[in-house]
Amino acid sequence: MPRIYAELIVAGRKTFTQVPEQVKADVKLVLKEYVVDGRLTPEQYQDLVGEPYVG
């Protein structure tokens, strides 16, 4: 489920604030994986999540 939310956020169909509290931490981990994999930049992560990327 966290990966689905992450994909929706990246696609612009959901915002991080719309993610249920119980999965927010896991969604952050998926988005951090995307930064490591090069799918997102640290700046994009910050824009999507609202906090700086710390790898």
PDB file of N, CA and C in Angstrom:
ATOM      1  N   MET A   1       0.804  -1.197   0.000  1.00  0.00           N
ATOM      2  CA  MET A   1       0.000   0.000   0.000  1.00  0.00           C
ATOM      3  C   MET A   1       0.860   1.280   0.000  1.00  0.00           C
ATOM      4  N   PRO A   2       1.970   1.310   0.762  1.00  0.00           N
ATOM      5  CA  PRO A   2       2.804   2.516   0.736  1.00  0.00           C
ATOM      6  C   PRO A   2       3.322   2.844  -0.663  1.00  0.00           C
ATOM      7  N   ARG A   3       3.677   1.820  -1.429  1.00  0.00           N
ATOM      8  CA  ARG A   3       4.188   2.063  -2.776  1.00  0.00           C
ATOM      9  C   ARG A   3       3.100   2.675  -3.672  1.00  0.00           C
ATOM     10  N   ILE A   4       1.868   2.239  -3.490  1.00  0.00           N
ATOM     11  CA  ILE A   4       0.759   2.790  -4.273  1.00  0.00           C
ATOM     12  C   ILE A   4       0.578   4.272  -3.952  1.00  0.00           C
ATOM     13  N   TYR A   5       0.586   4.601  -2.666  1.00  0.00           N
ATOM     14  CA  TYR A   5       0.479   6.006  -2.281  1.00  0.00           C
ATOM     15  C   TYR A   5       1.653   6.815  -2.833  1.00  0.00           C
ATOM     16  N   ALA A   6       2.849   6.271  -2.772  1.00  0.00           N
ATOM     17  CA  ALA A   6       4.022   6.977  -3.297  1.00  0.00           C
ATOM     18  C   ALA A   6       3.859   7.245  -4.791  1.00  0.00           C
ATOM     19  N   GLU A   7       3.386   6.254  -5.529  1.00  0.00           N
ATOM     20  CA  GLU A   7       3.178   6.439  -6.970  1.00  0.00           C
ATOM     21  C   GLU A   7       2.125   7.505  -7.239  1.00  0.00           C
ATOM     22  N   LEU A   8       1.051   7.512  -6.457  1.00  0.00           N
ATOM     23  CA  LEU A   8       0.010   8.524  -6.630  1.00  0.00           C
ATOM     24  C   LEU A   8       0.541   9.924  -6.321  1.00  0.00           C
ATOM     25  N   ILE A   9       1.385  10.026  -5.317  1.00  0.00           N
ATOM     26  CA  ILE A   9       1.983  11.322  -4.968  1.00  0.00           C
ATOM     27  C   ILE A   9       2.890  11.802  -6.089  1.00  0.00           C
ATOM     28  N   VAL A  10       3.742  10.927  -6.581  1.00  0.00           N
ATOM     29  CA  VAL A  10       4.667  11.291  -7.663  1.00  0.00           C
ATOM     30  C   VAL A  10       3.881  11.698  -8.918  1.00  0.00           C
ATOM     31  N   ALA A  11       2.772  11.021  -9.165  1.00  0.00           N
ATOM     32  CA  ALA A  11       1.948  11.321 -10.343  1.00  0.00           C
ATOM     33  C   ALA A  11       1.119  12.590 -10.162  1.00  0.00           C
ATOM     34  N   GLY A  12       1.080  13.109  -8.940  1.00  0.00           N
ATOM     35  CA  GLY A  12       0.323  14.332  -8.696  1.00  0.00           C
ATOM     36  C   GLY A  12      -1.159  14.099  -8.428  1.00  0.00           C
ATOM     37  N   ARG A  13      -1.540  12.851  -8.202  1.00  0.00           N
ATOM     38  CA  ARG A  13      -2.951  12.534  -7.969  1.00  0.00           C
ATOM     39  C   ARG A  13      -3.330  12.599  -6.497  1.00  0.00           C
ATOM     40  N   LYS A  14      -2.327  12.543  -5.620  1.00  0.00           N
ATOM     41  CA  LYS A  14      -2.521  12.680  -4.172  1.00  0.00           C
ATOM     42  C   LYS A  14      -1.402  13.562  -3.642  1.00  0.00           C
ATOM     43  N   THR A  15      -1.627  14.121  -2.470  1.00  0.00           N
ATOM     44  CA  THR A  15      -0.570  14.840  -1.773  1.00  0.00           C
ATOM     45  C   THR A  15      -0.190  14.039  -0.534  1.00  0.00           C
ATOM     46  N   PHE A  16       0.971  14.333   0.004  1.00  0.00           N
ATOM     47  CA  PHE A  16       1.424  13.594   1.178  1.00  0.00           C
ATOM     48  C   PHE A  16       0.472  13.804   2.354  1.00  0.00           C
ATOM     49  N   THR A  17      -0.140  14.969   2.447  1.00  0.00           N
ATOM     50  CA  THR A  17      -1.070  15.235   3.546  1.00  0.00           C
ATOM     51  C   THR A  17      -2.334  14.381   3.445  1.00  0.00           C
ATOM     52  N   GLN A  18      -2.629  13.854   2.277  1.00  0.00           N
ATOM     53  CA  GLN A  18      -3.800  12.997   2.091  1.00  0.00           C
ATOM     54  C   GLN A  18      -3.532  11.533   2.465  1.00  0.00           C
ATOM     55  N   VAL A  19      -2.293  11.207   2.758  1.00  0.00           N
ATOM     56  CA  VAL A  19      -1.929   9.826   3.108  1.00  0.00           C
ATOM     57  C   VAL A  19      -2.360   9.559   4.549  1.00  0.00           C
ATOM     58  N   PRO A  20      -2.989   8.417   4.816  1.00  0.00           N
ATOM     59  CA  PRO A  20      -3.368   8.087   6.196  1.00  0.00           C
ATOM     60  C   PRO A  20      -2.148   8.040   7.118  1.00  0.00           C
ATOM     61  N   GLU A  21      -2.332   8.519   8.335  1.00  0.00           N
ATOM     62  CA  GLU A  21      -1.236   8.609   9.305  1.00  0.00           C
ATOM     63  C   GLU A  21      -0.507   7.285   9.502  1.00  0.00           C
ATOM     64  N   GLN A  22      -1.235   6.179   9.509  1.00  0.00           N
ATOM     65  CA  GLN A  22      -0.624   4.884   9.807  1.00  0.00           C
ATOM     66  C   GLN A  22       0.358   4.412   8.739  1.00  0.00           C
ATOM     67  N   VAL A  23       0.332   5.006   7.536  1.00  0.00           N
ATOM     68  CA  VAL A  23       1.269   4.570   6.490  1.00  0.00           C
ATOM     69  C   VAL A  23       2.237   5.669   6.056  1.00  0.00           C
ATOM     70  N   LYS A  24       2.141   6.851   6.647  1.00  0.00           N
ATOM     71  CA  LYS A  24       3.007   7.962   6.235  1.00  0.00           C
ATOM     72  C   LYS A  24       4.491   7.625   6.336  1.00  0.00           C
ATOM     73  N   ALA A  25       4.909   7.001   7.431  1.00  0.00           N
ATOM     74  CA  ALA A  25       6.331   6.670   7.596  1.00  0.00           C
ATOM     75  C   ALA A  25       6.798   5.723   6.501  1.00  0.00           C
ATOM     76  N   ASP A  26       5.963   4.758   6.142  1.00  0.00           N
ATOM     77  CA  ASP A  26       6.336   3.807   5.095  1.00  0.00           C
ATOM     78  C   ASP A  26       6.364   4.474   3.724  1.00  0.00           C
ATOM     79  N   VAL A  27       5.456   5.414   3.489  1.00  0.00           N
ATOM     80  CA  VAL A  27       5.455   6.143   2.216  1.00  0.00           C
ATOM     81  C   VAL A  27       6.725   6.982   2.105  1.00  0.00           C
ATOM     82  N   LYS A  28       7.152   7.598   3.201  1.00  0.00           N
ATOM     83  CA  LYS A  28       8.414   8.358   3.196  1.00  0.00           C
ATOM     84  C   LYS A  28       9.578   7.452   2.819  1.00  0.00           C
ATOM     85  N   LEU A  29       9.592   6.240   3.371  1.00  0.00           N
ATOM     86  CA  LEU A  29      10.675   5.309   3.041  1.00  0.00           C
ATOM     87  C   LEU A  29      10.679   4.973   1.557  1.00  0.00           C
ATOM     88  N   VAL A  30       9.511   4.763   0.979  1.00  0.00           N
ATOM     89  CA  VAL A  30       9.428   4.468  -0.458  1.00  0.00           C
ATOM     90  C   VAL A  30       9.931   5.662  -1.258  1.00  0.00           C
ATOM     91  N   LEU A  31       9.504   6.860  -0.893  1.00  0.00           N
ATOM     92  CA  LEU A  31       9.958   8.050  -1.613  1.00  0.00           C
ATOM     93  C   LEU A  31      11.462   8.252  -1.458  1.00  0.00           C
ATOM     94  N   LYS A  32      12.021   7.913  -0.307  1.00  0.00           N
ATOM     95  CA  LYS A  32      13.471   7.989  -0.126  1.00  0.00           C
ATOM     96  C   LYS A  32      14.174   6.970  -1.019  1.00  0.00           C
ATOM     97  N   GLU A  33      13.579   5.797  -1.178  1.00  0.00           N
ATOM     98  CA  GLU A  33      14.127   4.805  -2.116  1.00  0.00           C
ATOM     99  C   GLU A  33      14.149   5.379  -3.532  1.00  0.00           C
ATOM    100  N   TYR A  34      13.114   6.114  -3.887  1.00  0.00           N
ATOM    101  CA  TYR A  34      13.060   6.722  -5.218  1.00  0.00           C
ATOM    102  C   TYR A  34      14.197   7.717  -5.414  1.00  0.00           C
ATOM    103  N   VAL A  35      14.578   8.431  -4.358  1.00  0.00           N
ATOM    104  CA  VAL A  35      15.710   9.360  -4.459  1.00  0.00           C
ATOM    105  C   VAL A  35      16.993   8.570  -4.678  1.00  0.00           C
ATOM    106  N   VAL A  36      17.179   7.511  -3.913  1.00  0.00           N
ATOM    107  CA  VAL A  36      18.384   6.674  -4.040  1.00  0.00           C
ATOM    108  C   VAL A  36      18.460   6.067  -5.440  1.00  0.00           C
ATOM    109  N   ASP A  37      17.310   5.639  -5.974  1.00  0.00           N
ATOM    110  CA  ASP A  37      17.255   5.022  -7.302  1.00  0.00           C
ATOM    111  C   ASP A  37      17.335   6.037  -8.439  1.00  0.00           C
ATOM    112  N   GLY A  38      17.257   7.328  -8.105  1.00  0.00           N
ATOM    113  CA  GLY A  38      17.339   8.357  -9.130  1.00  0.00           C
ATOM    114  C   GLY A  38      16.006   8.721  -9.757  1.00  0.00           C
ATOM    115  N   ARG A  39      14.922   8.206  -9.222  1.00  0.00           N
ATOM    116  CA  ARG A  39      13.591   8.536  -9.761  1.00  0.00           C
ATOM    117  C   ARG A  39      13.138   9.910  -9.305  1.00  0.00           C
ATOM    118  N   LEU A  40      13.636  10.355  -8.158  1.00  0.00           N
ATOM    119  CA  LEU A  40      13.335  11.682  -7.619  1.00  0.00           C
ATOM    120  C   LEU A  40      14.636  12.349  -7.216  1.00  0.00           C
ATOM    121  N   THR A  41      14.645  13.664  -7.252  1.00  0.00           N
ATOM    122  CA  THR A  41      15.772  14.413  -6.697  1.00  0.00           C
ATOM    123  C   THR A  41      15.449  14.723  -5.233  1.00  0.00           C
ATOM    124  N   PRO A  42      16.462  15.039  -4.442  1.00  0.00           N
ATOM    125  CA  PRO A  42      16.178  15.450  -3.061  1.00  0.00           C
ATOM    126  C   PRO A  42      15.237  16.648  -2.995  1.00  0.00           C
ATOM    127  N   GLU A  43      15.334  17.534  -3.969  1.00  0.00           N
ATOM    128  CA  GLU A  43      14.459  18.701  -4.002  1.00  0.00           C
ATOM    129  C   GLU A  43      13.011  18.289  -4.268  1.00  0.00           C
ATOM    130  N   GLN A  44      12.814  17.329  -5.164  1.00  0.00           N
ATOM    131  CA  GLN A  44      11.466  16.841  -5.435  1.00  0.00           C
ATOM    132  C   GLN A  44      10.887  16.160  -4.197  1.00  0.00           C
ATOM    133  N   TYR A  45      11.706  15.378  -3.517  1.00  0.00           N
ATOM    134  CA  TYR A  45      11.274  14.741  -2.271  1.00  0.00           C
ATOM    135  C   TYR A  45      10.784  15.801  -1.290  1.00  0.00           C
ATOM    136  N   GLN A  46      11.571  16.853  -1.136  1.00  0.00           N
ATOM    137  CA  GLN A  46      11.211  17.921  -0.204  1.00  0.00           C
ATOM    138  C   GLN A  46       9.904  18.584  -0.615  1.00  0.00           C
ATOM    139  N   ASP A  47       9.730  18.816  -1.903  1.00  0.00           N
ATOM    140  CA  ASP A  47       8.489  19.422  -2.385  1.00  0.00           C
ATOM    141  C   ASP A  47       7.288  18.516  -2.123  1.00  0.00           C
ATOM    142  N   LEU A  48       7.466  17.222  -2.286  1.00  0.00           N
ATOM    143  CA  LEU A  48       6.355  16.278  -2.133  1.00  0.00           C
ATOM    144  C   LEU A  48       6.005  16.019  -0.668  1.00  0.00           C
ATOM    145  N   VAL A  49       7.032  15.888   0.176  1.00  0.00           N
ATOM    146  CA  VAL A  49       6.812  15.488   1.571  1.00  0.00           C
ATOM    147  C   VAL A  49       6.725  16.697   2.505  1.00  0.00           C
ATOM    148  N   GLY A  50       7.403  17.776   2.146  1.00  0.00           N
ATOM    149  CA  GLY A  50       7.385  18.959   2.986  1.00  0.00           C
ATOM    150  C   GLY A  50       8.471  18.999   4.037  1.00  0.00           C
ATOM    151  N   GLU A  51       9.466  18.137   3.873  1.00  0.00           N
ATOM    152  CA  GLU A  51      10.630  18.147   4.765  1.00  0.00           C
ATOM    153  C   GLU A  51      11.864  17.783   3.958  1.00  0.00           C
ATOM    154  N   PRO A  52      13.035  18.240   4.404  1.00  0.00           N
ATOM    155  CA  PRO A  52      14.255  17.960   3.654  1.00  0.00           C
ATOM    156  C   PRO A  52      14.559  16.461   3.573  1.00  0.00           C
ATOM    157  N   TYR A  53      15.174  16.077   2.466  1.00  0.00           N
ATOM    158  CA  TYR A  53      15.623  14.686   2.300  1.00  0.00           C
ATOM    159  C   TYR A  53      16.882  14.476   3.110  1.00  0.00           C
ATOM    160  N   VAL A  54      16.859  13.466   3.957  1.00  0.00           N
ATOM    161  CA  VAL A  54      18.045  13.061   4.719  1.00  0.00           C
ATOM    162  C   VAL A  54      18.254  11.593   4.426  1.00  0.00           C
ATOM    163  N   GLY A  55      19.318  11.298   3.697  1.00  0.00           N
ATOM    164  CA  GLY A  55      19.555   9.935   3.248  1.00  0.00           C
ATOM    165  C   GLY A  55      20.318   9.085   4.141  1.00  0.00           C
TER     166      GLY A  55
END
